[in-house]
């Protein structure tokens, strides 16, 4: 009860350049009754870079529909940071490969810290994927990561059990939201 939920859907490279994408999303939003801002599309870093010619326009048009844009598997693609200010992005999702060795690999710890710091300076939120232990969650909280995703929070659940989970206090308090990038 009372929690603002969002639906995050993966978008493939092919779907990103599909000329019917914007109209499909517009129809889905109207039919589903999702409030503005409750739908986010997750697009891999490489899909954005591979489709630079159309990505900026498509992502801007999705933003005009109040759809959130998440860069999935951040840090595993081309690692060109220049696109972060050229494309309307709201969230960086740190790839699970960095989260997995967070406590024992100083290099990954520094990469995660740097991504979180960079995101904050660009007014982007950060989700760490693959959080499986209390130690990882603690480190990520200490690094000011906005959100975590993974088995430490919950394994995949059927809908009725997911509803019950949403009524329980979460182990990772929702932080004061940083304003989303409005570029």
Protein backbone atom coordinates (compact mmCIF):
# COMPACT_ATOMS: atom_id res chain seq x y z
CA UNK A 1 0.00 0.00 0.00
CA UNK A 2 0.95 3.53 -0.85
CA UNK A 3 4.26 2.81 -2.55
CA UNK A 4 4.93 4.39 -5.92
CA UNK A 5 5.66 1.46 -8.19
CA UNK A 6 7.25 1.56 -11.59
CA UNK A 7 7.33 -1.07 -14.28
CA UNK A 8 10.71 -1.59 -15.95
CA UNK A 9 10.75 -3.36 -19.32
CA UNK A 10 13.82 -4.39 -21.31
CA UNK A 11 14.02 -2.91 -24.80
CA UNK A 12 16.12 -4.67 -27.44
CA UNK A 13 18.33 -2.97 -29.98
CA UNK A 14 15.85 -3.97 -32.70
CA UNK A 15 12.91 -2.52 -30.76
CA UNK A 16 14.82 0.73 -30.21
CA UNK A 17 14.87 1.37 -33.98
CA UNK A 18 11.39 0.00 -34.72
CA UNK A 19 9.40 2.83 -36.34
CA UNK A 20 6.24 1.71 -34.49
CA UNK A 21 7.84 1.85 -31.01
CA UNK A 22 6.60 5.29 -29.96
CA UNK A 23 3.01 4.61 -31.02
CA UNK A 24 3.12 1.17 -29.37
CA UNK A 25 4.31 2.67 -26.08
CA UNK A 26 1.69 5.43 -26.31
CA UNK A 27 -1.06 2.79 -26.82
CA UNK A 28 0.23 0.59 -23.99
CA UNK A 29 0.30 3.54 -21.61
CA UNK A 30 -3.28 4.48 -22.52
CA UNK A 31 -4.60 0.91 -22.28
CA UNK A 32 -2.78 -0.01 -19.08
CA UNK A 33 -3.69 3.08 -17.12
CA UNK A 34 -0.10 3.53 -15.93
CA UNK A 35 0.40 7.03 -14.59
CA UNK A 36 3.05 9.20 -16.25
CA UNK A 37 6.46 8.18 -15.00
CA UNK A 38 5.46 4.65 -13.96
CA UNK A 39 6.98 3.00 -17.04
CA UNK A 40 10.73 2.75 -17.56
CA UNK A 41 12.48 1.16 -20.51
CA UNK A 42 15.83 -0.52 -19.93
CA UNK A 43 18.23 -0.30 -22.84
CA UNK A 44 21.76 -1.67 -22.88
CA UNK A 45 24.65 0.71 -23.23
CA UNK A 46 25.70 -1.01 -26.45
CA UNK A 47 22.21 -0.74 -28.01
CA UNK A 48 22.30 3.03 -27.51
CA UNK A 49 25.79 3.38 -28.97
CA UNK A 50 25.11 1.04 -31.91
CA UNK A 51 22.01 3.05 -32.84
CA UNK A 52 23.24 6.58 -32.18
CA UNK A 53 21.64 7.84 -35.37
CA UNK A 54 18.11 7.18 -34.15
CA UNK A 55 18.56 6.69 -30.41
CA UNK A 56 18.62 10.37 -29.43
CA UNK A 57 15.35 11.10 -31.23
CA UNK A 58 13.61 7.93 -30.03
CA UNK A 59 14.72 8.40 -26.42
CA UNK A 60 13.64 12.06 -26.49
CA UNK A 61 10.21 11.07 -27.82
CA UNK A 62 9.90 8.43 -25.10
CA UNK A 63 10.85 11.06 -22.53
CA UNK A 64 8.07 13.27 -23.93
CA UNK A 65 5.70 10.42 -22.96
CA UNK A 66 7.15 10.54 -19.40
CA UNK A 67 8.82 7.16 -19.90
CA UNK A 68 11.96 6.66 -17.82
CA UNK A 69 15.15 5.62 -19.60
CA UNK A 70 17.50 3.22 -17.82
CA UNK A 71 20.93 2.27 -19.19
CA UNK A 72 21.18 -1.44 -18.40
CA UNK A 73 24.45 -3.32 -17.78
CA UNK A 74 26.32 -0.04 -17.43
CA UNK A 75 30.08 -0.43 -17.52
CA UNK A 76 30.18 -3.50 -19.76
CA UNK A 77 29.61 -1.84 -23.12
CA UNK A 78 31.66 0.66 -25.02
CA UNK A 79 32.34 2.68 -21.88
CA UNK A 80 32.06 5.93 -23.80
CA UNK A 81 30.79 8.37 -21.23
CA UNK A 82 30.09 11.12 -23.76
CA UNK A 83 26.65 9.72 -24.55
CA UNK A 84 25.44 10.29 -20.98
CA UNK A 85 24.89 13.98 -21.61
CA UNK A 86 23.75 13.56 -25.24
CA UNK A 87 20.89 11.14 -24.57
CA UNK A 88 17.96 11.62 -22.19
CA UNK A 89 18.87 9.05 -19.55
CA UNK A 90 17.44 8.84 -16.02
CA UNK A 91 19.11 5.81 -14.43
CA UNK A 92 22.37 3.87 -14.73
CA UNK A 93 22.14 0.19 -13.80
CA UNK A 94 25.53 -1.04 -12.64
CA UNK A 95 26.20 -4.46 -14.11
CA UNK A 96 26.15 -7.40 -11.71
CA UNK A 97 29.72 -8.32 -12.65
CA UNK A 98 30.90 -5.30 -10.63
CA UNK A 99 28.54 -5.96 -7.72
CA UNK A 100 29.56 -9.63 -7.44
CA UNK A 101 33.15 -8.89 -6.47
CA UNK A 102 32.51 -5.60 -4.69
CA UNK A 103 33.80 -6.73 -1.30
CA UNK A 104 36.95 -8.51 -2.46
CA UNK A 105 38.10 -6.58 -5.53
CA UNK A 106 39.36 -3.06 -4.87
CA UNK A 107 39.24 -2.28 -8.59
CA UNK A 108 35.52 -3.11 -8.86
CA UNK A 109 34.85 -1.16 -5.66
CA UNK A 110 36.49 1.90 -7.22
CA UNK A 111 34.60 1.44 -10.50
CA UNK A 112 31.28 1.28 -8.64
CA UNK A 113 32.19 4.32 -6.52
CA UNK A 114 33.16 6.24 -9.66
CA UNK A 115 29.93 5.33 -11.49
CA UNK A 116 27.83 6.43 -8.50
CA UNK A 117 29.77 9.70 -8.19
CA UNK A 118 29.51 10.38 -11.94
CA UNK A 119 25.79 9.64 -11.93
CA UNK A 120 25.24 11.98 -9.01
CA UNK A 121 27.05 14.81 -10.75
CA UNK A 122 24.86 14.26 -13.83
CA UNK A 123 21.71 14.08 -11.67
CA UNK A 124 21.10 10.44 -12.60
CA UNK A 125 19.95 7.71 -10.24
CA UNK A 126 21.82 4.41 -9.86
CA UNK A 127 20.57 0.85 -9.47
CA UNK A 128 23.10 -1.86 -8.60
CA UNK A 129 22.20 -5.20 -10.17
CA UNK A 130 23.01 -8.57 -8.64
CA UNK A 131 22.94 -7.63 -4.94
CA UNK A 132 23.07 -11.03 -3.24
CA UNK A 133 24.59 -10.42 0.18
CA UNK A 134 24.15 -8.11 3.13
CA UNK A 135 27.80 -7.08 2.73
CA UNK A 136 27.22 -5.95 -0.87
CA UNK A 137 24.10 -4.03 0.18
CA UNK A 138 25.98 -2.33 3.01
CA UNK A 139 28.86 -1.28 0.76
CA UNK A 140 26.44 0.06 -1.86
CA UNK A 141 24.52 2.05 0.75
CA UNK A 142 27.80 3.48 2.06
CA UNK A 143 28.66 4.50 -1.52
CA UNK A 144 25.26 6.29 -1.76
CA UNK A 145 23.84 3.96 -4.40
CA UNK A 146 20.16 4.84 -4.84
CA UNK A 147 18.70 1.36 -5.29
CA UNK A 148 19.68 -2.29 -5.34
CA UNK A 149 18.25 -5.22 -7.23
CA UNK A 150 18.93 -8.88 -6.61
CA UNK A 151 18.37 -11.99 -4.53
CA UNK A 152 19.30 -10.25 -1.27
CA UNK A 153 16.00 -8.39 -1.56
CA UNK A 154 13.97 -11.25 -3.00
CA UNK A 155 14.08 -14.14 -5.42
CA UNK A 156 11.56 -13.98 -8.29
CA UNK A 157 8.03 -14.38 -6.92
CA UNK A 158 4.56 -15.17 -8.25
CA UNK A 159 2.24 -12.14 -8.31
CA UNK A 160 0.38 -12.85 -5.01
CA UNK A 161 3.65 -13.25 -3.09
CA UNK A 162 5.08 -10.13 -4.74
CA UNK A 163 2.06 -8.17 -3.54
CA UNK A 164 2.64 -9.38 0.02
CA UNK A 165 6.33 -8.45 -0.22
CA UNK A 166 5.43 -4.90 -1.22
CA UNK A 167 3.49 -4.47 2.02
CA UNK A 168 6.57 -5.26 4.13
CA UNK A 169 9.32 -2.79 5.04
CA UNK A 170 12.17 -3.03 2.57
CA UNK A 171 15.71 -3.71 3.82
CA UNK A 172 17.07 -0.78 1.81
CA UNK A 173 15.34 2.47 2.72
CA UNK A 174 14.35 4.56 -0.26
CA UNK A 175 16.70 7.56 -0.27
CA UNK A 176 15.72 11.14 -0.78
CA UNK A 177 15.38 11.13 -4.55
CA UNK A 178 17.89 13.14 -6.50
CA UNK A 179 16.16 15.08 -9.27
CA UNK A 180 16.13 13.16 -12.54
CA UNK A 181 18.16 14.47 -15.44
CA UNK A 182 15.85 16.75 -17.40
CA UNK A 183 18.14 17.16 -20.39
